[in-house]
Amino acid sequence: MRKIRFIVIAFGLLIATSHSNAQVLSSKQLDSLVEKTLTTFNVPGIALAIVKDGKVIHSKGYGLRSLNTKEPVNENTFFGIASNSKAFTAAGLAILVDEGKLKWEDKVVDLIPGFKLYNPYVTQEFTVRDLLTHRSGLGLGAGDLMIFPDSNRVTKAELIHNMRYLKPVSGFRTKFDYDNLLYIVAGEVLAKVSGMSWDDFIEKRIMRPIGMSGSAAGYPALKDKMNSIDAHSSIDGKLRVISKAFPEISNAAGGIWSNVTEMSKWAILQMNDGKYGQNLEKQLFSPEVHREMWSPQTIIEGAPFNSYGLGWFLSSVNGKLQVSHTGGLSGIVTQVTLIPELKLGIIVLTNQESGYAFSSITNTIKDGYFGIKGKDRIAVYKSDFLADEAEAKKVTDQVWAAIATEQLKHSGKIDLSIYEGSFTDPWFGEVIIKKQNGKAWFQSVNSPKLSGEMLPYKGNAFVVKWTDRSMHADAFAIFSLDKEGKASGMKMEALSPLTDFSYDFQDLDFSRSTKK
């Protein structure tokens, strides 16, 4: 769902080289690779599966499901697969296209009458295909604060209604900007056309037929919770178990829970053009709609030969098509990588927030198949991780230093009364700015976890330090004043460059509420 701290390593093109001397890693080498990755990036648990030529050649768990229980990960341990769920949503719609119940070019307003975007023309022209291709004109992660963090109380109907208030940042169908909310709408389209809930359709029409017997469309429906991971995040320098709650209204964008055993069946289905069964005698979706899902729909600028299909990232690796996706929830990140020409699939599930970990594993395995030698992927990604952390620390240290200076300068004498009151954003809702125990305090009404002390920064700007330190999303709150010197509005932006994009504070535009 989210991409936590690893946007820049989502693709990873390999240098072209001959693969005639390919050296596939042995089981022992794979074990060593994963164990070293666990240690290097402080990940409690990882599950890895490799499929080749229609067969599972490696499937294993490493480390711990949870730092609390100390139970081990195995090949049947369930993880949230996050945005890898998007390919299931696309496949569900593809099945309906095969059945003649839906067309990719059908207009969303004809299927979901309450659907409305900021621009009336875009609303009328928006198709089912547009829901899946990240080219709406909305900014990166626009509106995600309606589903992150996990405490938001917005309903699905309210979320769809509120999308009309999100302002575009680019022209319709002109630019790739990853979004989650439109996949939630896609899930509603699937439900409306099929007559089944998204959850039921995914489980009954996709998972169960191909043998994903334990996987679930959302965590509450998971039957074997005993063999499921806890989510983990670093808090004040120490790795801790955090909440793995996720709003069920968002399942079509990132709610599925599965394991590497069953995700291997999904990968094999994909590389067999939708065929499954002992002798591939059954067909889940046709080769025609499968080609559509794997055809470039939106070009991704700045990344040569990279594009997005329907639920999948598409790129060129050593002259071969790579079909992949990553996923991230709080404390969980995952990756699925397919090289169809090699009939190769790599699935990495983790219970920590470091995308550097799965990138180290996946790219090392790919190196073996492409004959690339001498690359220490773990060392490269560790260097990238340390550089990113150092850069972010430099930025945030300057801010906290400025806050300390401001506190010494004013020594608690700032008049907080001019900022107190209720402020409302059209799509996010109400926040209350109040004095609590002598401190300025921020409290969202719809998203209770967004609560924290407001520390004076410069002028009419504050930094909100969230009480829940697992979010890693402290933010600026910048007030505008009216002619009487009273706060009339507020805008926000993330403090750290590493803040996950699902905290789309930059899209908020609060006005003082006039309600009594």
Protein backbone atom coordinates (compact mmCIF):
# COMPACT_ATOMS: atom_id res chain seq x y z
CA MET A 1 0.00 0.00 0.00
CA ARG A 2 2.57 2.51 1.11
CA LYS A 3 6.11 2.66 -0.15
CA ILE A 4 8.06 3.09 3.06
CA ARG A 5 11.57 4.46 2.59
CA PHE A 6 12.30 2.71 -0.68
CA ILE A 7 10.80 4.67 -3.56
CA VAL A 8 14.22 5.06 -5.21
CA ILE A 9 14.92 1.33 -5.25
CA ALA A 10 11.61 0.12 -6.60
CA PHE A 11 13.02 -0.88 -9.96
CA GLY A 12 16.79 -1.42 -10.01
CA LEU A 13 17.91 -1.90 -13.62
CA LEU A 14 20.80 -4.31 -14.03
CA ILE A 15 23.75 -3.60 -16.29
CA ALA A 16 23.45 -5.55 -19.53
CA THR A 17 25.71 -8.56 -19.61
CA SER A 18 25.82 -12.06 -21.01
CA HIS A 19 24.05 -14.67 -18.92
CA SER A 20 25.68 -17.66 -20.54
CA ASN A 21 27.73 -18.14 -17.39
CA ALA A 22 24.78 -17.83 -15.05
CA GLN A 23 25.47 -19.15 -11.58
CA VAL A 24 22.23 -19.84 -9.76
CA LEU A 25 22.56 -19.58 -5.99
CA SER A 26 22.46 -22.84 -4.08
CA SER A 27 20.12 -23.34 -1.12
CA LYS A 28 23.05 -22.81 1.22
CA GLN A 29 23.98 -19.57 -0.52
CA LEU A 30 20.37 -18.38 -0.38
CA ASP A 31 20.26 -19.12 3.35
CA SER A 32 23.46 -17.13 3.85
CA LEU A 33 22.12 -14.24 1.74
CA VAL A 34 18.90 -13.94 3.71
CA GLU A 35 20.55 -14.37 7.11
CA LYS A 36 23.05 -11.62 6.29
CA THR A 37 20.21 -9.40 5.09
CA LEU A 38 18.31 -9.92 8.34
CA THR A 39 21.33 -8.80 10.34
CA THR A 40 22.40 -5.93 8.10
CA PHE A 41 19.02 -4.23 7.96
CA ASN A 42 17.76 -5.30 11.40
CA VAL A 43 14.78 -7.23 10.04
CA PRO A 44 13.18 -9.75 12.45
CA GLY A 45 11.76 -12.10 9.80
CA ILE A 46 11.78 -12.78 6.07
CA ALA A 47 10.14 -15.39 3.86
CA LEU A 48 11.59 -16.14 0.42
CA ALA A 49 10.28 -18.19 -2.48
CA ILE A 50 11.74 -18.74 -5.96
CA VAL A 51 9.77 -20.31 -8.78
CA LYS A 52 11.43 -21.49 -11.98
CA ASP A 53 9.89 -23.17 -15.01
CA GLY A 54 6.56 -23.59 -13.27
CA LYS A 55 7.97 -25.19 -10.12
CA VAL A 56 8.87 -23.94 -6.67
CA ILE A 57 12.62 -24.43 -6.26
CA HIS A 58 13.01 -22.62 -2.93
CA SER A 59 10.48 -21.76 -0.25
CA LYS A 60 11.61 -20.96 3.26
CA GLY A 61 11.20 -18.70 6.27
CA TYR A 62 13.99 -17.01 8.20
CA GLY A 63 14.16 -15.24 11.53
CA LEU A 64 11.22 -14.42 13.77
CA ARG A 65 7.54 -13.73 13.20
CA SER A 66 7.59 -11.34 16.14
CA LEU A 67 10.11 -9.94 18.59
CA ASN A 68 7.43 -10.47 21.23
CA THR A 69 6.67 -14.15 20.68
CA LYS A 70 10.08 -15.23 19.26
CA GLU A 71 8.26 -17.76 17.09
CA PRO A 72 10.09 -18.61 13.84
CA VAL A 73 9.01 -17.67 10.32
CA ASN A 74 8.36 -20.62 7.99
CA GLU A 75 7.16 -20.95 4.42
CA ASN A 76 3.53 -20.91 5.61
CA THR A 77 3.80 -17.79 7.77
CA PHE A 78 1.33 -15.11 6.69
CA PHE A 79 2.40 -11.55 5.91
CA GLY A 80 0.46 -8.56 4.67
CA ILE A 81 1.41 -8.28 0.99
CA ALA A 82 0.28 -4.63 0.88
CA SER A 83 0.22 -3.10 -2.63
CA ASN A 84 0.91 -6.46 -4.24
CA SER A 85 -2.84 -6.74 -3.69
CA LYS A 86 -3.34 -4.33 -6.61
CA ALA A 87 -2.55 -7.05 -9.16
CA PHE A 88 -5.36 -9.16 -7.66
CA THR A 89 -7.80 -6.29 -8.09
CA ALA A 90 -6.71 -5.90 -11.73
CA ALA A 91 -7.07 -9.65 -12.27
CA GLY A 92 -10.57 -9.59 -10.78
CA LEU A 93 -11.63 -6.89 -13.22
CA ALA A 94 -9.95 -8.82 -16.05
CA ILE A 95 -12.12 -11.84 -15.25
CA LEU A 96 -15.20 -9.65 -15.58
CA VAL A 97 -13.90 -8.32 -18.91
CA ASP A 98 -13.51 -11.93 -20.10
CA GLU A 99 -17.08 -12.63 -19.04
CA GLY A 100 -18.38 -9.67 -21.03
CA LYS A 101 -19.66 -7.93 -17.92
CA LEU A 102 -17.22 -5.04 -18.14
CA LYS A 103 -14.98 -3.18 -20.58
CA TRP A 104 -11.71 -1.45 -19.72
CA GLU A 105 -13.08 1.73 -21.34
CA ASP A 106 -16.35 1.74 -19.37
CA LYS A 107 -16.90 5.07 -17.62
CA VAL A 108 -16.61 4.94 -13.84
CA VAL A 109 -19.52 7.39 -13.35
CA ASP A 110 -21.80 4.93 -15.14
CA LEU A 111 -20.86 2.25 -12.62
CA ILE A 112 -20.38 4.32 -9.45
CA PRO A 113 -22.77 7.31 -9.70
CA GLY A 114 -21.23 9.01 -6.64
CA PHE A 115 -17.77 9.09 -8.23
CA LYS A 116 -16.59 12.63 -8.84
CA LEU A 117 -13.17 14.23 -9.25
CA TYR A 118 -12.17 17.88 -9.00
CA ASN A 119 -12.38 18.46 -12.76
CA PRO A 120 -15.83 17.78 -14.29
CA TYR A 121 -14.34 16.76 -17.64
CA VAL A 122 -12.00 14.24 -15.98
CA THR A 123 -14.93 12.86 -13.98
CA GLN A 124 -16.97 12.21 -17.12
CA GLU A 125 -14.07 10.69 -19.08
CA PHE A 126 -12.56 8.56 -16.31
CA THR A 127 -12.54 4.86 -17.24
CA VAL A 128 -12.00 1.57 -15.45
CA ARG A 129 -8.56 1.47 -17.10
CA ASP A 130 -7.75 4.88 -15.57
CA LEU A 131 -8.50 3.53 -12.10
CA LEU A 132 -5.59 1.09 -12.40
CA THR A 133 -2.89 3.14 -14.13
CA HIS A 134 -1.83 6.02 -11.81
CA ARG A 135 -2.39 8.73 -14.42
CA SER A 136 -5.35 10.60 -12.93
CA GLY A 137 -3.54 13.93 -12.53
CA LEU A 138 -3.68 13.64 -8.74
CA GLY A 139 -0.38 13.94 -6.88
CA LEU A 140 1.64 11.15 -5.33
CA GLY A 141 -0.44 9.42 -2.64
CA ALA A 142 -3.14 12.08 -2.82
CA GLY A 143 -5.76 11.59 -0.13
CA ASP A 144 -3.95 8.73 1.59
CA LEU A 145 -4.41 10.46 4.94
CA MET A 146 -8.00 9.23 4.74
CA ILE A 147 -6.62 5.70 5.18
CA PHE A 148 -3.32 6.35 7.00
CA PRO A 149 -2.55 6.01 9.75
CA ASP A 150 -4.84 3.13 10.52
CA SER A 151 -7.07 4.98 12.98
CA ASN A 152 -8.96 7.02 10.38
CA ARG A 153 -12.74 6.69 10.76
CA VAL A 154 -13.72 7.62 7.20
CA THR A 155 -16.15 5.22 5.50
CA LYS A 156 -15.73 4.00 1.94
CA ALA A 157 -18.67 6.10 0.80
CA GLU A 158 -17.18 9.19 2.47
CA LEU A 159 -13.78 8.49 0.93
CA ILE A 160 -15.22 8.26 -2.58
CA HIS A 161 -17.25 11.43 -1.99
CA ASN A 162 -14.22 13.34 -0.66
CA MET A 163 -12.11 12.59 -3.73
CA ARG A 164 -13.86 15.49 -5.51
CA TYR A 165 -11.94 17.91 -3.26
CA LEU A 166 -8.46 16.63 -4.19
CA LYS A 167 -6.87 19.11 -6.58
CA PRO A 168 -4.87 17.73 -9.54
CA VAL A 169 -1.19 18.54 -9.92
CA SER A 170 -0.81 17.46 -13.56
CA GLY A 171 -2.89 16.98 -16.69
CA PHE A 172 -5.22 14.00 -16.96
CA ARG A 173 -3.39 10.97 -18.44
CA THR A 174 -0.12 12.93 -18.80
CA LYS A 175 1.99 11.80 -15.85
CA PHE A 176 2.56 8.85 -13.52
CA ASP A 177 1.80 9.54 -9.86
CA TYR A 178 1.21 6.50 -7.70
CA ASP A 179 -2.14 6.44 -5.93
CA ASN A 180 -4.10 4.14 -3.65
CA LEU A 181 -7.58 5.65 -3.51
CA LEU A 182 -8.48 4.85 -7.11
CA TYR A 183 -7.79 1.17 -6.47
CA ILE A 184 -10.36 1.37 -3.68
CA VAL A 185 -12.79 2.72 -6.27
CA ALA A 186 -11.73 -0.13 -8.59
CA GLY A 187 -12.70 -2.55 -5.84
CA GLU A 188 -16.14 -0.95 -5.69
CA VAL A 189 -16.48 -1.32 -9.46
CA LEU A 190 -15.66 -5.02 -9.14
CA ALA A 191 -18.25 -5.41 -6.39
CA LYS A 192 -20.94 -3.52 -8.31
CA VAL A 193 -20.45 -5.47 -11.55
CA SER A 194 -19.94 -8.92 -10.00
CA GLY A 195 -22.59 -8.69 -7.31
CA MET A 196 -20.04 -9.90 -4.75
CA SER A 197 -17.96 -7.94 -2.28
CA TRP A 198 -14.36 -7.36 -3.38
CA ASP A 199 -13.17 -9.60 -0.53
CA ASP A 200 -15.45 -12.49 -1.48
CA PHE A 201 -14.62 -12.22 -5.18
CA ILE A 202 -10.86 -12.26 -4.61
CA GLU A 203 -11.05 -15.24 -2.27
CA LYS A 204 -13.67 -17.31 -4.12
CA ARG A 205 -12.92 -16.47 -7.75
CA ILE A 206 -9.10 -16.15 -7.62
CA MET A 207 -7.46 -17.49 -4.47
CA ARG A 208 -9.37 -20.71 -3.84
CA PRO A 209 -9.38 -21.98 -7.45
CA ILE A 210 -5.59 -21.69 -7.80
CA GLY A 211 -4.91 -23.27 -4.42
CA MET A 212 -4.39 -20.24 -2.19
CA SER A 213 -6.43 -21.95 0.50
CA GLY A 214 -5.21 -20.02 3.54
CA SER A 215 -4.73 -16.55 2.10
CA ALA A 216 -7.30 -13.88 2.92
CA ALA A 217 -8.48 -10.63 1.37
CA GLY A 218 -7.93 -8.90 4.71
CA TYR A 219 -6.35 -9.69 8.06
CA PRO A 220 -9.63 -10.15 9.99
CA ALA A 221 -10.58 -12.97 7.57
CA LEU A 222 -7.26 -14.78 8.02
CA LYS A 223 -7.97 -18.13 9.65
CA ASP A 224 -4.43 -19.00 10.77
CA LYS A 225 -3.54 -15.88 12.71
CA MET A 226 -1.30 -17.96 14.97
CA ASN A 227 1.19 -18.31 12.12
CA SER A 228 1.20 -14.66 11.09
CA ILE A 229 3.81 -11.97 11.61
CA ASP A 230 3.79 -8.88 13.76
CA ALA A 231 4.79 -5.58 12.16
CA HIS A 232 7.99 -3.89 13.35
CA SER A 233 9.44 -0.40 13.23
CA SER A 234 12.39 1.42 14.77
CA ILE A 235 11.27 3.75 17.56
CA ASP A 236 13.89 5.90 19.25
CA GLY A 237 16.59 3.66 17.83
CA LYS A 238 15.06 0.38 19.00
CA LEU A 239 13.08 -2.08 16.86
CA ARG A 240 9.62 -2.63 18.32
CA VAL A 241 6.36 -4.38 17.51
CA ILE A 242 3.78 -1.90 16.23
CA SER A 243 0.14 -2.07 15.24
CA LYS A 244 -0.62 -4.02 12.08
CA ALA A 245 -4.18 -2.70 11.86
CA PHE A 246 -5.31 -1.67 8.40
CA PRO A 247 -8.60 -0.05 7.33
CA GLU A 248 -10.73 -2.70 5.66
CA ILE A 249 -12.15 -0.15 3.24
CA SER A 250 -8.69 -0.15 1.61
CA ASN A 251 -8.35 -3.89 1.00
CA ALA A 252 -8.55 -3.56 -2.80
CA ALA A 253 -5.44 -1.37 -2.67
CA GLY A 254 -3.40 -3.32 -0.14
CA GLY A 255 -5.27 -5.58 2.27
CA ILE A 256 -4.36 -9.15 1.26
CA TRP A 257 -2.50 -11.51 3.61
CA SER A 258 -0.64 -14.48 2.18
CA ASN A 259 2.56 -16.52 2.45
CA VAL A 260 5.33 -17.45 0.05
CA THR A 261 3.90 -20.93 -0.48
CA GLU A 262 0.64 -19.57 -1.83
CA MET A 263 2.11 -16.49 -3.52
CA SER A 264 4.22 -18.94 -5.54
CA LYS A 265 0.99 -20.29 -7.03
CA TRP A 266 -0.01 -16.75 -7.96
CA ALA A 267 3.39 -16.16 -9.62
CA ILE A 268 3.15 -19.42 -11.59
CA LEU A 269 -0.39 -18.56 -12.71
CA GLN A 270 0.85 -15.19 -13.96
CA MET A 271 3.73 -16.69 -15.94
CA ASN A 272 1.37 -19.25 -17.49
CA ASP A 273 -0.98 -16.64 -19.00
CA GLY A 274 -3.72 -17.31 -16.45
CA LYS A 275 -3.58 -21.11 -16.75
CA TYR A 276 -3.56 -23.33 -13.68
CA GLY A 277 -4.24 -26.90 -12.62
CA GLN A 278 -2.09 -30.01 -12.65
CA ASN A 279 -1.73 -29.97 -16.44
CA LEU A 280 -2.62 -26.30 -16.89
CA GLU A 281 -6.02 -27.43 -18.11
CA LYS A 282 -7.89 -24.58 -16.38
CA GLN A 283 -7.95 -20.88 -17.27
CA LEU A 284 -8.57 -18.13 -14.68
CA PHE A 285 -8.33 -15.28 -17.19
CA SER A 286 -7.60 -15.21 -20.91
CA PRO A 287 -4.22 -14.55 -22.55
CA GLU A 288 -5.81 -11.46 -24.14
CA VAL A 289 -6.62 -9.71 -20.85
CA HIS A 290 -3.35 -10.93 -19.39
CA ARG A 291 -1.44 -9.17 -22.18
CA GLU A 292 -3.42 -6.05 -21.37
CA MET A 293 -2.37 -6.22 -17.72
CA TRP A 294 1.26 -6.60 -18.79
CA SER A 295 1.17 -3.88 -21.47
CA PRO A 296 2.54 -0.38 -20.74
CA GLN A 297 -0.28 2.00 -19.88
CA THR A 298 1.57 4.88 -18.21
CA ILE A 299 5.19 5.81 -18.86
CA ILE A 300 7.27 6.51 -15.75
CA GLU A 301 9.47 9.53 -16.41
CA GLY A 302 13.15 9.42 -15.49
CA ALA A 303 13.32 5.64 -15.61
CA PRO A 304 14.11 4.36 -19.14
CA PHE A 305 11.77 1.60 -20.38
CA ASN A 306 9.80 1.72 -17.13
CA SER A 307 6.04 1.91 -17.14
CA TYR A 308 2.96 0.80 -15.26
CA GLY A 309 0.50 -1.73 -16.65
CA LEU A 310 -2.67 -2.79 -14.87
CA GLY A 311 -1.60 -3.62 -11.32
CA TRP A 312 2.07 -4.19 -12.28
CA PHE A 313 5.27 -2.22 -12.80
CA LEU A 314 6.94 -3.08 -16.12
CA SER A 315 10.64 -2.56 -16.84
CA SER A 316 13.53 -3.85 -18.92
CA VAL A 317 16.24 -5.88 -17.22
CA ASN A 318 19.06 -7.12 -19.43
CA GLY A 319 16.78 -6.77 -22.42
CA LYS A 320 14.06 -8.87 -20.82
CA LEU A 321 10.68 -7.83 -19.51
CA GLN A 322 10.48 -7.58 -15.73
CA VAL A 323 7.02 -7.55 -14.17
CA SER A 324 7.07 -6.54 -10.52
CA HIS A 325 5.47 -4.74 -7.62
CA THR A 326 6.39 -3.70 -4.14
CA GLY A 327 4.14 -3.10 -1.17
CA GLY A 328 4.38 -1.43 2.18
CA LEU A 329 2.24 -1.17 5.26
CA SER A 330 3.35 0.16 8.63
CA GLY A 331 6.06 -2.28 9.71
CA ILE A 332 5.73 -4.57 6.66
CA VAL A 333 7.26 -4.40 3.17
CA THR A 334 7.09 -6.94 0.33
CA GLN A 335 8.19 -7.52 -3.25
CA VAL A 336 7.10 -9.78 -6.12
CA THR A 337 9.38 -9.96 -9.18
CA LEU A 338 8.72 -11.95 -12.37
CA ILE A 339 11.03 -12.42 -15.38
CA PRO A 340 8.56 -14.17 -17.74
CA GLU A 341 11.11 -15.06 -20.43
CA LEU A 342 13.13 -16.96 -17.85
CA LYS A 343 10.00 -18.35 -16.16
CA LEU A 344 11.54 -16.92 -12.99
CA GLY A 345 9.65 -15.53 -10.02
CA ILE A 346 11.06 -14.16 -6.76
CA ILE A 347 8.83 -13.40 -3.76
CA VAL A 348 10.21 -11.67 -0.65
CA LEU A 349 8.00 -10.90 2.35
CA THR A 350 9.35 -9.04 5.40
CA ASN A 351 8.07 -7.81 8.76
CA GLN A 352 10.03 -4.57 8.96
CA GLU A 353 10.04 -1.35 6.96
CA SER A 354 13.32 -1.66 5.02
CA GLY A 355 12.88 -2.01 1.27
CA TYR A 356 16.66 -2.23 1.11
CA ALA A 357 16.32 -5.73 2.53
CA PHE A 358 14.10 -7.20 -0.17
CA SER A 359 16.04 -5.32 -2.86
CA SER A 360 19.29 -6.89 -1.65
CA ILE A 361 17.80 -10.38 -1.85
CA THR A 362 15.93 -10.04 -5.15
CA ASN A 363 18.77 -8.39 -7.04
CA THR A 364 21.36 -10.85 -5.77
CA ILE A 365 19.20 -13.73 -7.01
CA LYS A 366 18.70 -11.99 -10.37
CA ASP A 367 22.47 -11.49 -10.63
CA GLY A 368 22.88 -15.27 -10.50
CA TYR A 369 20.46 -15.83 -13.38
CA PHE A 370 21.99 -13.05 -15.47
CA GLY A 371 25.58 -14.09 -14.86
CA ILE A 372 26.49 -10.88 -13.04
CA LYS A 373 29.44 -11.48 -10.72
CA GLY A 374 31.21 -9.44 -8.11
CA LYS A 375 28.22 -7.33 -7.04
CA ASP A 376 27.69 -7.15 -3.28
CA ARG A 377 24.07 -5.99 -3.31
CA ILE A 378 23.82 -5.94 0.48
CA ALA A 379 26.81 -3.62 0.73
CA VAL A 380 25.43 -1.33 -1.98
CA TYR A 381 22.02 -1.04 -0.36
CA LYS A 382 23.53 -0.62 3.11
CA SER A 383 25.53 2.30 1.74
CA ASP A 384 22.38 3.77 0.18
CA PHE A 385 20.48 3.29 3.44
CA LEU A 386 23.16 5.02 5.51
CA ALA A 387 23.39 7.90 3.02
CA ASP A 388 19.61 8.40 3.02
CA GLU A 389 19.45 8.28 6.81
CA ALA A 390 22.35 10.74 7.13
CA GLU A 391 20.75 13.17 4.70
CA ALA A 392 17.42 13.02 6.50
CA LYS A 393 19.11 13.42 9.90
CA LYS A 394 20.90 16.54 8.66
CA VAL A 395 17.58 18.08 7.64
CA THR A 396 15.71 17.16 10.80
CA ASP A 397 18.59 18.08 13.15
CA GLN A 398 18.52 21.62 11.73
CA VAL A 399 14.80 21.86 12.42
CA TRP A 400 15.08 20.58 15.99
CA ALA A 401 17.98 22.96 16.62
CA ALA A 402 15.84 25.86 15.41
CA ILE A 403 13.04 24.72 17.72
CA ALA A 404 15.42 24.62 20.69
CA THR A 405 16.56 28.17 19.88
CA GLU A 406 12.97 29.33 19.61
CA GLN A 407 12.10 27.81 22.98
CA LEU A 408 15.03 29.58 24.64
CA LYS A 409 14.12 32.86 22.96
CA HIS A 410 10.48 32.88 24.00
CA SER A 411 10.59 30.64 27.08
CA GLY A 412 6.92 29.67 26.80
CA LYS A 413 5.69 33.22 26.23
CA ILE A 414 4.17 32.64 22.79
CA ASP A 415 0.51 33.60 22.68
CA LEU A 416 -1.11 30.32 21.70
CA SER A 417 -4.63 31.72 21.82
CA ILE A 418 -4.37 33.13 18.28
CA TYR A 419 -3.94 29.57 16.94
CA GLU A 420 -6.55 27.79 19.04
CA GLY A 421 -9.76 26.57 17.50
CA SER A 422 -11.26 24.23 14.94
CA PHE A 423 -9.82 24.02 11.41
CA THR A 424 -11.34 22.04 8.55
CA ASP A 425 -9.98 20.63 5.29
CA PRO A 426 -12.63 19.66 2.69
CA TRP A 427 -11.49 16.04 2.29
CA PHE A 428 -9.61 15.32 5.52
CA GLY A 429 -12.04 16.89 7.94
CA GLU A 430 -11.61 18.68 11.24
CA VAL A 431 -8.60 19.18 13.48
CA ILE A 432 -8.64 20.87 16.85
CA ILE A 433 -5.77 23.14 17.89
CA LYS A 434 -5.88 23.62 21.64
CA LYS A 435 -3.82 24.24 24.72
CA GLN A 436 -3.21 21.04 26.67
CA ASN A 437 -1.14 21.05 29.86
CA GLY A 438 0.24 24.43 28.86
CA LYS A 439 1.33 23.22 25.39
CA ALA A 440 -0.09 23.74 21.94
CA TRP A 441 -1.72 20.51 20.79
CA PHE A 442 -2.88 19.13 17.42
CA GLN A 443 -5.75 16.64 17.34
CA SER A 444 -7.43 15.22 14.26
CA VAL A 445 -11.09 14.33 14.76
CA ASN A 446 -11.36 11.68 12.04
CA SER A 447 -7.86 10.23 12.54
CA PRO A 448 -7.20 10.03 16.31
CA LYS A 449 -3.58 8.82 15.90
CA LEU A 450 -2.71 12.16 14.35
CA SER A 451 -2.31 13.76 17.74
CA GLY A 452 0.71 15.51 19.16
CA GLU A 453 2.44 18.50 20.66
CA MET A 454 3.00 21.55 18.45
CA LEU A 455 6.44 23.04 18.96
CA PRO A 456 7.07 26.67 17.88
CA TYR A 457 9.45 26.78 14.91
CA LYS A 458 9.71 30.13 13.11
CA GLY A 459 7.15 32.90 12.80
CA ASN A 460 3.72 31.32 12.54
CA ALA A 461 5.10 27.86 11.83
CA PHE A 462 5.09 24.94 14.25
CA VAL A 463 6.36 21.37 14.11
CA VAL A 464 3.85 18.72 15.16
CA LYS A 465 5.60 15.92 17.05
CA TRP A 466 3.21 12.99 16.90
CA THR A 467 2.66 11.07 20.11
CA ASP A 468 2.78 7.78 18.17
CA ARG A 469 6.49 7.68 17.31
CA SER A 470 6.10 4.67 15.00
CA MET A 471 4.70 6.89 12.25
CA HIS A 472 8.01 8.65 11.44
CA ALA A 473 5.95 11.50 10.05
CA ASP A 474 6.46 14.67 12.12
CA ALA A 475 5.14 17.62 10.13
CA PHE A 476 5.23 21.39 9.81
CA ALA A 477 2.00 23.28 10.50
CA ILE A 478 2.12 26.75 8.96
CA PHE A 479 -0.61 29.21 9.93
CA SER A 480 -1.93 32.17 7.99
CA LEU A 481 -3.33 35.12 9.97
CA ASP A 482 -6.27 37.41 9.30
CA LYS A 483 -6.20 41.20 9.68
CA GLU A 484 -6.89 40.84 13.40
CA GLY A 485 -3.81 38.66 13.84
CA LYS A 486 -5.82 35.51 14.45
CA ALA A 487 -5.06 32.23 12.63
CA SER A 488 -7.46 31.88 9.70
CA GLY A 489 -5.91 28.89 7.95
CA MET A 490 -3.23 26.25 8.13
CA LYS A 491 -1.14 24.25 5.68
CA MET A 492 1.18 21.35 6.40
CA GLU A 493 4.20 19.56 4.97
CA ALA A 494 6.38 16.64 6.04
CA LEU A 495 9.45 17.39 8.13
CA SER A 496 11.75 14.59 6.95
CA PRO A 497 12.51 13.74 3.30
CA LEU A 498 12.04 10.09 4.29
CA THR A 499 8.44 10.58 5.40
CA ASP A 500 6.27 8.04 3.62
CA PHE A 501 4.26 9.60 0.81
CA SER A 502 1.00 8.28 2.22
CA TYR A 503 1.27 11.05 4.78
CA ASP A 504 0.25 13.56 2.11
CA PHE A 505 0.25 16.59 4.40
CA GLN A 506 1.06 18.84 1.43
CA ASP A 507 -2.44 18.24 0.03
CA LEU A 508 -4.15 19.70 3.10
CA ASP A 509 -5.54 23.23 3.13
CA PHE A 510 -7.30 24.04 6.40
CA SER A 511 -9.59 26.98 7.04
CA ARG A 512 -10.81 28.08 10.43
CA SER A 513 -14.19 26.51 11.03
CA THR A 514 -17.11 28.88 11.46
CA LYS A 515 -19.37 26.29 13.05
CA LYS A 516 -20.66 27.04 16.53
